[in-house]
Amino acid sequence: VHEHLPDIVALEKVTHFLSQEYGNAAIHQMLQDEFRKAFAKGDLDRATLIERMLLIFDSGHPVERDRRRDGRTH
Protein backbone atom coordinates (compact mmCIF):
# COMPACT_ATOMS: atom_id res chain seq x y z
CA VAL A 1 0.00 0.00 0.00
CA HIS A 2 2.56 2.54 1.13
CA GLU A 3 5.26 2.25 -1.54
CA HIS A 4 3.47 0.20 -4.20
CA LEU A 5 5.80 -2.74 -3.63
CA PRO A 6 5.20 -6.26 -4.87
CA ASP A 7 3.32 -8.24 -2.20
CA ILE A 8 6.27 -10.44 -1.26
CA VAL A 9 8.57 -7.43 -0.80
CA ALA A 10 5.92 -5.64 1.25
CA LEU A 11 5.50 -8.73 3.43
CA GLU A 12 9.26 -8.87 4.01
CA LYS A 13 9.27 -5.19 4.92
CA VAL A 14 6.39 -5.61 7.38
CA THR A 15 8.12 -8.61 8.95
CA HIS A 16 11.28 -6.54 9.35
CA PHE A 17 9.39 -3.60 10.88
CA LEU A 18 7.58 -5.84 13.35
CA SER A 19 10.92 -7.14 14.61
CA GLN A 20 12.05 -3.59 15.41
CA GLU A 21 11.26 -1.55 18.51
CA TYR A 22 9.51 1.07 16.36
CA GLY A 23 7.79 -1.41 14.02
CA ASN A 24 4.20 -1.08 15.19
CA ALA A 25 4.45 2.71 15.12
CA ALA A 26 6.03 2.67 11.64
CA ILE A 27 3.30 0.54 10.12
CA HIS A 28 0.60 2.53 11.91
CA GLN A 29 2.11 5.75 10.52
CA MET A 30 2.25 4.35 6.97
CA LEU A 31 -1.39 3.29 7.11
CA GLN A 32 -2.42 6.67 8.49
CA ASP A 33 -0.51 8.44 5.71
CA GLU A 34 -2.18 6.30 3.05
CA PHE A 35 -5.61 6.90 4.58
CA ARG A 36 -5.06 10.66 4.54
CA LYS A 37 -3.89 10.59 0.90
CA ALA A 38 -6.87 8.56 -0.24
CA PHE A 39 -9.32 10.72 1.70
CA ALA A 40 -7.77 13.94 0.36
CA LYS A 41 -8.08 12.63 -3.22
CA GLY A 42 -11.72 11.76 -2.59
CA ASP A 43 -11.07 8.04 -3.01
CA LEU A 44 -13.47 7.02 -0.28
CA ASP A 45 -13.45 3.33 -1.19
CA ARG A 46 -9.67 3.19 -0.72
CA ALA A 47 -9.83 5.35 2.41
CA THR A 48 -12.42 3.00 3.92
CA LEU A 49 -10.33 -0.07 3.06
CA ILE A 50 -7.21 1.45 4.61
CA GLU A 51 -9.16 2.57 7.68
CA ARG A 52 -10.28 -1.05 8.17
CA MET A 53 -6.70 -2.24 7.75
CA LEU A 54 -5.57 0.29 10.35
CA LEU A 55 -8.22 -0.81 12.85
CA ILE A 56 -7.33 -4.47 12.37
CA PHE A 57 -3.61 -3.76 12.64
CA ASP A 58 -4.03 -1.61 15.76
CA SER A 59 -6.14 -4.26 17.48
CA GLY A 60 -3.26 -6.75 17.27
CA HIS A 61 -0.32 -4.35 17.35
CA PRO A 62 -1.04 -1.39 19.64
CA VAL A 63 1.04 1.73 19.17
CA GLU A 64 2.36 3.25 22.36
CA ARG A 65 4.15 6.28 20.89
CA ASP A 66 4.35 8.42 17.79
CA ARG A 67 7.64 7.92 15.91
CA ARG A 68 7.46 11.40 14.44
CA ARG A 69 7.53 12.97 17.89
CA ASP A 70 10.65 10.94 18.67
CA GLY A 71 12.39 12.28 15.56
CA ARG A 72 12.55 8.84 13.91
CA THR A 73 11.39 8.76 10.29
CA HIS A 74 11.98 5.12 9.36
C-alpha atoms as a PDB file:
ATOM      1  CA  VAL A   1       0.000   0.000   0.000  1.00  0.00           C
ATOM      2  CA  HIS A   2       2.562   2.543   1.125  1.00  0.00           C
ATOM      3  CA  GLU A   3       5.256   2.250  -1.538  1.00  0.00           C
ATOM      4  CA  HIS A   4       3.470   0.204  -4.198  1.00  0.00           C
ATOM      5  CA  LEU A   5       5.803  -2.737  -3.625  1.00  0.00           C
ATOM      6  CA  PRO A   6       5.202  -6.263  -4.866  1.00  0.00           C
ATOM      7  CA  ASP A   7       3.321  -8.242  -2.203  1.00  0.00           C
ATOM      8  CA  ILE A   8       6.269 -10.445  -1.257  1.00  0.00           C
ATOM      9  CA  VAL A   9       8.567  -7.434  -0.796  1.00  0.00           C
ATOM     10  CA  ALA A  10       5.916  -5.639   1.254  1.00  0.00           C
ATOM     11  CA  LEU A  11       5.501  -8.730   3.434  1.00  0.00           C
ATOM     12  CA  GLU A  12       9.260  -8.869   4.011  1.00  0.00           C
ATOM     13  CA  LYS A  13       9.272  -5.195   4.925  1.00  0.00           C
ATOM     14  CA  VAL A  14       6.390  -5.606   7.380  1.00  0.00           C
ATOM     15  CA  THR A  15       8.118  -8.612   8.953  1.00  0.00           C
ATOM     16  CA  HIS A  16      11.281  -6.539   9.355  1.00  0.00           C
ATOM     17  CA  PHE A  17       9.391  -3.603  10.877  1.00  0.00           C
ATOM     18  CA  LEU A  18       7.579  -5.837  13.351  1.00  0.00           C
ATOM     19  CA  SER A  19      10.922  -7.141  14.606  1.00  0.00           C
ATOM     20  CA  GLN A  20      12.054  -3.590  15.412  1.00  0.00           C
ATOM     21  CA  GLU A  21      11.255  -1.546  18.513  1.00  0.00           C
ATOM     22  CA  TYR A  22       9.512   1.065  16.362  1.00  0.00           C
ATOM     23  CA  GLY A  23       7.792  -1.410  14.023  1.00  0.00           C
ATOM     24  CA  ASN A  24       4.202  -1.076  15.189  1.00  0.00           C
ATOM     25  CA  ALA A  25       4.454   2.710  15.117  1.00  0.00           C
ATOM     26  CA  ALA A  26       6.033   2.672  11.639  1.00  0.00           C
ATOM     27  CA  ILE A  27       3.304   0.542  10.124  1.00  0.00           C
ATOM     28  CA  HIS A  28       0.601   2.533  11.914  1.00  0.00           C
ATOM     29  CA  GLN A  29       2.107   5.745  10.525  1.00  0.00           C
ATOM     30  CA  MET A  30       2.247   4.349   6.972  1.00  0.00           C
ATOM     31  CA  LEU A  31      -1.386   3.292   7.114  1.00  0.00           C
ATOM     32  CA  GLN A  32      -2.422   6.674   8.488  1.00  0.00           C
ATOM     33  CA  ASP A  33      -0.514   8.445   5.706  1.00  0.00           C
ATOM     34  CA  GLU A  34      -2.180   6.298   3.048  1.00  0.00           C
ATOM     35  CA  PHE A  35      -5.613   6.900   4.579  1.00  0.00           C
ATOM     36  CA  ARG A  36      -5.055  10.664   4.537  1.00  0.00           C
ATOM     37  CA  LYS A  37      -3.887  10.593   0.902  1.00  0.00           C
ATOM     38  CA  ALA A  38      -6.870   8.557  -0.243  1.00  0.00           C
ATOM     39  CA  PHE A  39      -9.315  10.722   1.695  1.00  0.00           C
ATOM     40  CA  ALA A  40      -7.766  13.937   0.362  1.00  0.00           C
ATOM     41  CA  LYS A  41      -8.084  12.630  -3.216  1.00  0.00           C
ATOM     42  CA  GLY A  42     -11.721  11.761  -2.594  1.00  0.00           C
ATOM     43  CA  ASP A  43     -11.072   8.037  -3.010  1.00  0.00           C
ATOM     44  CA  LEU A  44     -13.473   7.023  -0.277  1.00  0.00           C
ATOM     45  CA  ASP A  45     -13.447   3.326  -1.193  1.00  0.00           C
ATOM     46  CA  ARG A  46      -9.673   3.187  -0.719  1.00  0.00           C
ATOM     47  CA  ALA A  47      -9.828   5.348   2.410  1.00  0.00           C
ATOM     48  CA  THR A  48     -12.419   2.998   3.915  1.00  0.00           C
ATOM     49  CA  LEU A  49     -10.327  -0.067   3.064  1.00  0.00           C
ATOM     50  CA  ILE A  50      -7.208   1.454   4.613  1.00  0.00           C
ATOM     51  CA  GLU A  51      -9.162   2.566   7.679  1.00  0.00           C
ATOM     52  CA  ARG A  52     -10.283  -1.049   8.166  1.00  0.00           C
ATOM     53  CA  MET A  53      -6.695  -2.243   7.755  1.00  0.00           C
ATOM     54  CA  LEU A  54      -5.569   0.293  10.350  1.00  0.00           C
ATOM     55  CA  LEU A  55      -8.221  -0.808  12.848  1.00  0.00           C
ATOM     56  CA  ILE A  56      -7.328  -4.474  12.373  1.00  0.00           C
ATOM     57  CA  PHE A  57      -3.612  -3.755  12.643  1.00  0.00           C
ATOM     58  CA  ASP A  58      -4.029  -1.607  15.755  1.00  0.00           C
ATOM     59  CA  SER A  59      -6.142  -4.262  17.483  1.00  0.00           C
ATOM     60  CA  GLY A  60      -3.263  -6.748  17.269  1.00  0.00           C
ATOM     61  CA  HIS A  61      -0.317  -4.351  17.350  1.00  0.00           C
ATOM     62  CA  PRO A  62      -1.041  -1.394  19.637  1.00  0.00           C
ATOM     63  CA  VAL A  63       1.042   1.729  19.167  1.00  0.00           C
ATOM     64  CA  GLU A  64       2.362   3.255  22.360  1.00  0.00           C
ATOM     65  CA  ARG A  65       4.148   6.280  20.889  1.00  0.00           C
ATOM     66  CA  ASP A  66       4.349   8.416  17.788  1.00  0.00           C
ATOM     67  CA  ARG A  67       7.638   7.919  15.910  1.00  0.00           C
ATOM     68  CA  ARG A  68       7.459  11.396  14.441  1.00  0.00           C
ATOM     69  CA  ARG A  69       7.535  12.965  17.892  1.00  0.00           C
ATOM     70  CA  ASP A  70      10.650  10.943  18.668  1.00  0.00           C
ATOM     71  CA  GLY A  71      12.387  12.276  15.556  1.00  0.00           C
ATOM     72  CA  ARG A  72      12.548   8.842  13.908  1.00  0.00           C
ATOM     73  CA  THR A  73      11.386   8.764  10.290  1.00  0.00           C
ATOM     74  CA  HIS A  74      11.976   5.118   9.359  1.00  0.00           C
END
